[in-house]
Structures are given as C-alpha cells and as structure tokens.
Amino acid sequence: MERVRIRVDPAYDVMIGPGLINRAGELIAGVHAPCRAAVLTDDTVAALYGQKVLNSLKEAGFDPCLWAFPHGEEHKTMQTLASALNFLAESKLSRGDLAVALGGGVAGDLAGFAAAVYCRGIPFVQIPTTLLAAVDSSVGGKTAVDLPAGKNMAGAFHQPLLVLSDTDVIRALPPDLIRDGSAEMLKHGILADPKLFDDLRTGKWRERIDETIARNVEIKRDHVARDELDRGVRQMLNLGHTFGHAAETCSGFTLTHGQGVAMGLVMAARAAGMDPTPIEAACRKCGLPTACPYPAAELARAALSDKKRRGDRITLVLPEAIGKCALKTVPAAELPAIFARATGETI
C-alpha cells in the first residue's frame, strides 16, 4: 500500500492500495472514534459499493446511514446540497459525528461541502471511486457545488480526515472514467513531472497504477501544503482549467470534466505560444479530445464567470515546457484575444 502524508493543519494521510473499501471502517476508526456516520454518495456508486462501506463501518463500531442523490454533474447543485443537509439533520448527526464522501468528483465535492457547512463543520473522510477523484479532487480540501453562473461557484475549504483510494475499484472502472482521470494526470505531468507525462504518453502508467496515483497525489500535496487557501502557488493546479471550465460551461456540462481539462491543456499551450503537438499526442493516447468545438468569443464570456477572476483581472496558468509552467495575470478585457489564440481562430 502507498501512503502520502498531506501536511496541512491538521495533517492527514492518503492511503492507496487494493481492498481498502472492505477495510474502510477499520481505517477510519484509526483517525476518528466510532460514532454516527453518514455515507453520502450518488445512486450509481451506492449500488456498487454502498453496502460494503456500511458493513465495514458497522463492523468497526460505527452507526452508519446512507444517502444517495442522482448521479451526474447536473445534480451538483444548491438544491442537492440542501437535501444532503436535511438528511444529516434528520439522521441526527451532531458535531462529533462523521460524514463519508463515497464516489467520484461530484459526490466528493458535494459531500465535502455538506460536511463543511453542517453544524458549522463536521469531520469527513473521502473514499474516491474514480481515477479523477483519486488523483485530484479528493485531496486538498476544495469542496463545492455549481451555480447557474458557473462551475464550483459556491464552496468552502474543508480538509478530510483521511482519503482511502481503493485501486481494485480503480482497475474495475469503465474506459471513459479512466480517460477522464488521465486528463488530470496529464495536467500534473505538464506542471511538474516530465516522466509522469511520458508514462501517460506511452501508456506505461497502467503497469503501476498504485505508484502512479501516489505520484499524482504527491504533486498535488506539494502545492497544497505551500498554499492551502489557493492564493498563490496552488493556483498552478488550475492548469487547463480556466479554458476547460469555459468549454464545460458552453457545453451545458455535457462535456465531462476530463474532456474539458484535456481541451483546456491544449488551449493553454496555444495561448502560451508553446507547440501543442506533444500534449495533443498524449491526449489522443489517453483517448481524450484535443479540439474545442466552441467559438472563442463564447468561451471568453464563460470564462468571465470563472471564480478565479478577481475584479477585472484573471490569472491563467500557461505552460512553458513539459514540467514547467507559469502564472500570468491578465486583464479580463484580453480574454477574447487569448481564447482566439488558444482555439486557433484569427481575429
């Protein structure tokens, strides 16, 4: 089993290895005394793993309950959040009790936000069941729901007590969910690790999934530990996301997050004046799209609602080479021209 220590306050572990869902209760009991525990998940994951987690929690002395919401980004809303909070209240959880976020990025974001605001904050544990959640969204304490104005516009920083990434679950994922997670791993490689990028470009990462997930978590850890509240160096983790979130918004969230990020990585390279060919080749190897179907003007309008905008300026992450990126703060008025360059349009 791989273990990565996330050194924030308080620090916590990310455990990565096979069979961890079946040991969830035992491992959670190692960081929190048995109590009332609410498992928050979506209906797809509940059918696959909900009972296993409930049984494991019961065996470890917890008093568990489960709530599931309809799967999909379109349900990551304030209305679903309100339903989750009402469930916690009706289940009589107190501030000494625990939430368990079980699922992919949508479930983790929503359940973490519910834990952050219920009774002004209760502890929670992340059990990611997708590759994307395992390598990215389950780590670092960002929780959120979407608003009509944009993705993740309402949220809070709330670090988990523990993250349990079961690689048996990851290996059993359908190909589309592996592809989605590959986009975030490509982001980490472009940002900080040419070898990781090369492993994704060649497909070698599949031979050592546990170690690859751990390496991605280490890269995220290194940024989060230096800037927990996302005011400086942690913004580097947004590589591809301003461009990608704009594409997701323009699609009405019919694009998956991984598809949006992949498009965003290619657009970021073009916007920076970097040859996007290596990134395009790596995306194709991972089964990800490279061309964004939306016009630059529409994308720029969507980006103006990005939560990273501060007043009339927005900070972009632009790659200079594989393994090296830089932050660049630009006036919002320049976004149409930047997106035109990013999409290859002429202006």
Protein backbone atom coordinates (compact mmCIF):
# COMPACT_ATOMS: atom_id res chain seq x y z
CA MET A 1 0.00 0.00 0.00
CA GLU A 2 1.14 3.53 -0.82
CA ARG A 3 0.70 6.28 1.76
CA VAL A 4 1.09 10.02 1.14
CA ARG A 5 1.04 12.47 4.06
CA ILE A 6 -0.72 15.77 3.34
CA ARG A 7 0.97 18.29 5.61
CA VAL A 8 -1.73 20.85 6.30
CA ASP A 9 -3.20 21.62 9.72
CA PRO A 10 -4.30 19.08 10.76
CA ALA A 11 -2.29 16.71 8.57
CA TYR A 12 -3.88 13.60 7.10
CA ASP A 13 -2.98 10.53 5.08
CA VAL A 14 -3.96 9.44 1.59
CA MET A 15 -3.89 5.63 1.52
CA ILE A 16 -3.68 3.97 -1.89
CA GLY A 17 -3.95 0.25 -2.48
CA PRO A 18 -6.18 -2.75 -3.18
CA GLY A 19 -9.05 -3.78 -0.91
CA LEU A 20 -9.32 -0.54 1.09
CA ILE A 21 -13.11 -0.24 0.76
CA ASN A 22 -13.52 -3.50 2.65
CA ARG A 23 -11.26 -2.08 5.40
CA ALA A 24 -12.86 1.37 5.44
CA GLY A 25 -14.37 1.06 8.91
CA GLU A 26 -11.14 -0.19 10.50
CA LEU A 27 -9.06 2.53 8.82
CA ILE A 28 -11.50 5.33 9.64
CA ALA A 29 -11.61 4.16 13.26
CA GLY A 30 -7.89 4.83 13.32
CA VAL A 31 -8.49 8.57 12.87
CA HIS A 32 -11.93 9.06 14.48
CA ALA A 33 -13.68 7.25 17.31
CA PRO A 34 -16.73 5.21 16.26
CA CYS A 35 -19.82 7.42 16.05
CA ARG A 36 -22.83 8.13 13.87
CA ALA A 37 -21.51 8.12 10.29
CA ALA A 38 -23.39 9.31 7.21
CA VAL A 39 -22.24 7.94 3.87
CA LEU A 40 -23.06 10.46 1.14
CA THR A 41 -22.87 9.16 -2.42
CA ASP A 42 -24.65 9.02 -5.76
CA ASP A 43 -27.10 6.35 -6.86
CA THR A 44 -24.64 4.58 -9.19
CA VAL A 45 -21.89 4.23 -6.57
CA ALA A 46 -24.42 3.36 -3.85
CA ALA A 47 -25.49 0.31 -5.85
CA LEU A 48 -21.90 -0.82 -6.34
CA TYR A 49 -20.21 -0.07 -3.02
CA GLY A 50 -22.69 1.44 -0.59
CA GLN A 51 -23.46 -1.75 1.31
CA LYS A 52 -19.78 -2.73 1.51
CA VAL A 53 -18.93 0.56 3.18
CA LEU A 54 -21.92 0.35 5.54
CA ASN A 55 -20.97 -3.18 6.56
CA SER A 56 -17.34 -2.21 7.14
CA LEU A 57 -18.36 0.77 9.27
CA LYS A 58 -20.74 -1.38 11.34
CA GLU A 59 -18.04 -3.97 11.95
CA ALA A 60 -15.75 -1.21 13.25
CA GLY A 61 -18.37 0.02 15.73
CA PHE A 62 -19.85 2.94 13.75
CA ASP A 63 -23.59 3.60 13.49
CA PRO A 64 -23.86 4.26 9.74
CA CYS A 65 -26.57 5.52 7.43
CA LEU A 66 -26.55 6.22 3.70
CA TRP A 67 -27.98 8.92 1.44
CA ALA A 68 -27.72 8.86 -2.34
CA PHE A 69 -28.51 11.51 -4.93
CA PRO A 70 -28.90 11.16 -8.73
CA HIS A 71 -25.52 10.86 -10.43
CA GLY A 72 -24.13 13.48 -12.79
CA GLU A 73 -22.68 17.00 -12.75
CA GLU A 74 -26.14 18.43 -13.39
CA HIS A 75 -27.11 17.36 -9.86
CA LYS A 76 -24.17 19.11 -8.16
CA THR A 77 -26.41 21.99 -7.15
CA MET A 78 -27.55 24.00 -4.15
CA GLN A 79 -30.83 22.05 -4.24
CA THR A 80 -29.00 18.73 -3.87
CA LEU A 81 -26.81 20.24 -1.15
CA ALA A 82 -29.93 21.29 0.77
CA SER A 83 -31.26 17.72 0.52
CA ALA A 84 -27.96 16.37 1.86
CA LEU A 85 -28.04 18.79 4.82
CA ASN A 86 -31.62 17.86 5.61
CA PHE A 87 -30.64 14.19 5.58
CA LEU A 88 -27.81 14.84 8.04
CA ALA A 89 -30.20 16.72 10.33
CA GLU A 90 -32.94 14.08 10.07
CA SER A 91 -30.32 11.41 10.81
CA LYS A 92 -29.44 13.33 13.98
CA LEU A 93 -25.76 13.80 13.27
CA SER A 94 -24.00 16.07 15.75
CA ARG A 95 -20.72 17.95 15.52
CA GLY A 96 -18.97 14.90 16.99
CA ASP A 97 -20.16 12.68 14.15
CA LEU A 98 -18.73 11.97 10.73
CA ALA A 99 -19.57 12.19 7.02
CA VAL A 100 -18.09 9.83 4.44
CA ALA A 101 -17.87 11.06 0.85
CA LEU A 102 -18.10 7.96 -1.36
CA GLY A 103 -17.80 8.38 -5.12
CA GLY A 104 -16.24 10.43 -7.86
CA GLY A 105 -15.55 14.13 -8.03
CA VAL A 106 -19.19 15.21 -7.96
CA ALA A 107 -20.01 13.16 -4.86
CA GLY A 108 -16.79 14.16 -3.13
CA ASP A 109 -17.28 17.86 -3.82
CA LEU A 110 -20.91 17.87 -2.73
CA ALA A 111 -20.48 15.66 0.35
CA GLY A 112 -17.41 17.62 1.43
CA PHE A 113 -19.30 20.90 1.13
CA ALA A 114 -22.18 19.45 3.15
CA ALA A 115 -19.70 18.42 5.85
CA ALA A 116 -18.12 21.88 5.76
CA VAL A 117 -21.36 23.73 6.47
CA TYR A 118 -23.44 21.27 8.53
CA CYS A 119 -23.35 22.41 12.18
CA ARG A 120 -20.64 24.86 11.02
CA GLY A 121 -18.43 21.93 10.08
CA ILE A 122 -18.16 18.22 10.87
CA PRO A 123 -15.24 15.91 10.03
CA PHE A 124 -15.38 13.83 6.88
CA VAL A 125 -13.49 11.12 5.02
CA GLN A 126 -13.03 10.84 1.26
CA ILE A 127 -13.36 7.45 -0.46
CA PRO A 128 -12.83 8.24 -4.15
CA THR A 129 -14.17 5.67 -6.62
CA THR A 130 -12.92 7.24 -9.87
CA LEU A 131 -9.40 7.81 -11.11
CA LEU A 132 -10.04 11.55 -11.43
CA ALA A 133 -11.14 11.79 -7.80
CA ALA A 134 -8.25 9.61 -6.60
CA VAL A 135 -5.54 11.70 -8.27
CA ASP A 136 -7.07 15.12 -7.79
CA SER A 137 -10.40 16.15 -6.30
CA SER A 138 -10.34 14.01 -3.15
CA VAL A 139 -7.12 15.68 -1.99
CA GLY A 140 -6.65 19.28 -0.90
CA GLY A 141 -9.91 20.25 0.77
CA LYS A 142 -11.73 22.04 -2.05
CA THR A 143 -15.47 21.38 -1.84
CA ALA A 144 -18.20 22.98 -3.92
CA VAL A 145 -21.41 22.88 -5.91
CA ASP A 146 -22.21 24.56 -9.22
CA LEU A 147 -24.40 27.61 -9.74
CA PRO A 148 -26.19 28.56 -12.98
CA ALA A 149 -23.47 31.20 -13.42
CA GLY A 150 -20.63 28.68 -13.39
CA LYS A 151 -18.89 25.59 -12.08
CA ASN A 152 -17.91 25.33 -8.39
CA MET A 153 -19.08 28.88 -7.66
CA ALA A 154 -20.31 28.01 -4.13
CA GLY A 155 -17.95 26.13 -1.88
CA ALA A 156 -15.58 26.01 1.07
CA PHE A 157 -12.14 24.74 2.01
CA HIS A 158 -12.63 21.71 4.26
CA GLN A 159 -9.83 19.16 4.52
CA PRO A 160 -10.74 15.48 5.05
CA LEU A 161 -9.51 13.41 7.97
CA LEU A 162 -8.42 10.63 5.65
CA VAL A 163 -8.54 9.62 1.97
CA LEU A 164 -8.90 5.95 1.01
CA SER A 165 -8.21 5.14 -2.66
CA ASP A 166 -9.01 1.50 -3.40
CA THR A 167 -7.08 0.54 -6.53
CA ASP A 168 -9.22 -2.58 -7.06
CA VAL A 169 -12.08 -0.14 -7.61
CA ILE A 170 -9.95 1.98 -9.97
CA ARG A 171 -8.90 -1.05 -12.03
CA ALA A 172 -12.57 -2.04 -12.44
CA LEU A 173 -13.59 1.33 -13.89
CA PRO A 174 -15.05 1.57 -17.40
CA PRO A 175 -12.75 3.12 -20.02
CA ASP A 176 -14.49 6.50 -20.07
CA LEU A 177 -13.74 7.06 -16.39
CA ILE A 178 -10.11 6.03 -16.86
CA ARG A 179 -9.87 8.57 -19.70
CA ASP A 180 -11.33 11.32 -17.50
CA GLY A 181 -8.78 10.69 -14.76
CA SER A 182 -5.95 10.64 -17.29
CA ALA A 183 -6.63 14.31 -18.05
CA GLU A 184 -5.79 15.38 -14.50
CA MET A 185 -2.69 13.17 -14.53
CA LEU A 186 -1.56 14.80 -17.78
CA LYS A 187 -2.05 18.15 -16.07
CA HIS A 188 0.24 17.10 -13.22
CA GLY A 189 2.86 15.82 -15.66
CA ILE A 190 2.86 19.03 -17.70
CA LEU A 191 3.01 21.02 -14.48
CA ALA A 192 5.76 19.23 -12.59
CA ASP A 193 6.90 15.82 -13.85
CA PRO A 194 8.09 15.07 -17.41
CA LYS A 195 8.48 11.36 -16.54
CA LEU A 196 4.83 11.14 -15.47
CA PHE A 197 3.85 12.87 -18.69
CA ASP A 198 5.94 10.39 -20.68
CA ASP A 199 4.36 7.44 -18.86
CA LEU A 200 0.94 8.74 -19.89
CA ARG A 201 2.08 9.44 -23.45
CA THR A 202 3.32 5.85 -23.79
CA GLY A 203 0.68 4.13 -21.63
CA LYS A 204 3.30 2.75 -19.22
CA TRP A 205 1.44 4.15 -16.20
CA ARG A 206 -1.09 1.31 -16.40
CA GLU A 207 1.61 -1.15 -15.34
CA ARG A 208 1.94 0.59 -11.94
CA ILE A 209 -1.38 2.17 -11.09
CA ASP A 210 -0.80 2.38 -7.31
CA GLU A 211 2.52 4.18 -7.69
CA THR A 212 1.17 6.48 -10.40
CA ILE A 213 -1.78 7.57 -8.27
CA ALA A 214 0.62 8.19 -5.37
CA ARG A 215 2.89 10.33 -7.58
CA ASN A 216 -0.07 12.47 -8.65
CA VAL A 217 -1.12 12.91 -5.04
CA GLU A 218 2.44 13.95 -4.15
CA ILE A 219 2.40 16.66 -6.81
CA LYS A 220 -0.90 17.98 -5.53
CA ARG A 221 0.35 17.73 -1.92
CA ASP A 222 3.40 19.83 -2.71
CA HIS A 223 1.24 22.68 -4.00
CA VAL A 224 -1.47 22.43 -1.33
CA ALA A 225 0.99 22.34 1.57
CA ARG A 226 2.57 25.59 0.38
CA ASP A 227 -0.72 27.39 -0.29
CA GLU A 228 -3.72 25.69 1.30
CA LEU A 229 -6.19 28.50 0.52
CA ASP A 230 -5.27 28.85 -3.16
CA ARG A 231 -3.88 32.39 -3.08
CA GLY A 232 -0.52 31.73 -4.71
CA VAL A 233 1.37 28.67 -5.90
CA ARG A 234 -1.65 26.35 -5.57
CA GLN A 235 -3.20 28.23 -8.47
CA MET A 236 -0.74 26.32 -10.66
CA LEU A 237 -3.05 23.31 -10.21
CA ASN A 238 -5.60 25.19 -12.33
CA LEU A 239 -3.54 24.42 -15.44
CA GLY A 240 -6.04 23.82 -18.25
CA HIS A 241 -8.99 24.56 -16.00
CA THR A 242 -9.90 28.16 -16.90
CA PHE A 243 -10.01 27.12 -20.56
CA GLY A 244 -11.55 23.73 -19.75
CA HIS A 245 -14.23 25.05 -17.40
CA ALA A 246 -15.26 27.52 -20.09
CA ALA A 247 -15.71 24.63 -22.53
CA GLU A 248 -17.70 22.64 -19.94
CA THR A 249 -19.96 25.64 -19.30
CA CYS A 250 -20.51 26.21 -23.04
CA SER A 251 -21.48 22.54 -23.41
CA GLY A 252 -24.11 22.81 -20.68
CA PHE A 253 -21.93 20.30 -18.80
CA THR A 254 -22.43 17.62 -21.44
CA LEU A 255 -18.63 17.53 -21.64
CA THR A 256 -17.08 15.60 -18.79
CA HIS A 257 -14.55 17.36 -16.59
CA GLY A 258 -11.73 15.26 -18.03
CA GLN A 259 -12.72 16.15 -21.59
CA GLY A 260 -12.83 19.83 -20.65
CA VAL A 261 -9.42 19.68 -18.97
CA ALA A 262 -7.87 17.92 -21.97
CA MET A 263 -9.17 20.61 -24.32
CA GLY A 264 -8.02 23.20 -21.80
CA LEU A 265 -4.47 21.84 -21.71
CA VAL A 266 -4.17 22.13 -25.48
CA MET A 267 -5.71 25.62 -25.45
CA ALA A 268 -3.36 26.72 -22.65
CA ALA A 269 -0.35 25.58 -24.70
CA ARG A 270 -1.53 27.52 -27.75
CA ALA A 271 -2.29 30.60 -25.65
CA ALA A 272 1.24 30.45 -24.25
CA GLY A 273 2.79 30.18 -27.70
CA MET A 274 4.00 26.64 -26.97
CA ASP A 275 3.83 23.92 -29.61
CA PRO A 276 0.78 21.88 -28.51
CA THR A 277 1.75 18.79 -30.52
CA PRO A 278 3.19 16.73 -27.59
CA ILE A 279 0.13 17.49 -25.45
CA GLU A 280 -2.24 16.66 -28.29
CA ALA A 281 -0.43 13.35 -28.86
CA ALA A 282 -0.60 12.46 -25.16
CA CYS A 283 -4.31 13.34 -25.02
CA ARG A 284 -5.02 11.12 -28.02
CA LYS A 285 -3.04 8.25 -26.43
CA CYS A 286 -5.29 8.61 -23.37
CA GLY A 287 -8.43 8.70 -25.53
CA LEU A 288 -9.12 12.37 -24.82
CA PRO A 289 -10.28 15.12 -27.19
CA THR A 290 -7.93 17.88 -28.26
CA ALA A 291 -10.11 20.28 -30.28
CA CYS A 292 -12.63 22.56 -28.59
CA PRO A 293 -15.87 22.90 -30.62
CA TYR A 294 -16.92 26.28 -29.18
CA PRO A 295 -16.02 29.69 -30.60
CA ALA A 296 -13.51 31.88 -28.78
CA ALA A 297 -15.99 34.66 -28.04
CA GLU A 298 -18.39 32.24 -26.34
CA LEU A 299 -15.58 30.66 -24.33
CA ALA A 300 -14.30 34.08 -23.23
CA ARG A 301 -17.77 35.05 -21.99
CA ALA A 302 -17.98 31.82 -19.99
CA ALA A 303 -14.51 32.42 -18.51
CA LEU A 304 -15.62 35.81 -17.18
CA SER A 305 -17.77 33.89 -14.67
CA ASP A 306 -14.80 31.83 -13.52
CA LYS A 307 -14.41 32.01 -9.74
CA LYS A 308 -10.69 32.68 -10.19
CA ARG A 309 -11.42 36.12 -11.67
CA ARG A 310 -10.58 38.95 -9.30
CA GLY A 311 -12.22 42.18 -10.35
CA ASP A 312 -11.23 42.93 -13.92
CA ARG A 313 -8.27 40.52 -13.92
CA ILE A 314 -7.88 36.76 -14.11
CA THR A 315 -4.85 34.53 -13.51
CA LEU A 316 -4.03 31.95 -16.16
CA VAL A 317 -1.62 29.03 -15.89
CA LEU A 318 0.46 28.81 -19.04
CA PRO A 319 2.92 26.02 -19.88
CA GLU A 320 6.43 26.93 -20.97
CA ALA A 321 7.64 23.34 -21.42
CA ILE A 322 6.66 19.89 -20.21
CA GLY A 323 7.34 20.11 -16.47
CA LYS A 324 7.40 23.91 -16.27
CA CYS A 325 4.50 26.36 -16.08
CA ALA A 326 3.98 29.96 -15.02
CA LEU A 327 1.17 32.10 -13.66
CA LYS A 328 0.13 35.09 -15.73
CA THR A 329 -2.46 37.61 -14.56
CA VAL A 330 -4.20 39.37 -17.45
CA PRO A 331 -6.98 41.94 -17.81
CA ALA A 332 -10.35 40.31 -18.42
CA ALA A 333 -10.69 42.51 -21.50
CA GLU A 334 -7.89 40.50 -23.12
CA LEU A 335 -9.73 37.16 -22.78
CA PRO A 336 -11.35 37.25 -26.26
CA ALA A 337 -7.95 37.63 -27.90
CA ILE A 338 -6.39 35.00 -25.64
CA PHE A 339 -9.14 32.50 -26.39
CA ALA A 340 -8.87 33.24 -30.09
CA ARG A 341 -5.18 32.35 -29.92
CA ALA A 342 -5.99 29.30 -27.80
CA THR A 343 -8.52 27.95 -30.30
CA GLY A 344 -6.51 28.87 -33.36
CA GLU A 345 -9.07 31.40 -34.57
CA THR A 346 -8.00 34.51 -36.41
CA ILE A 347 -9.04 37.90 -35.10
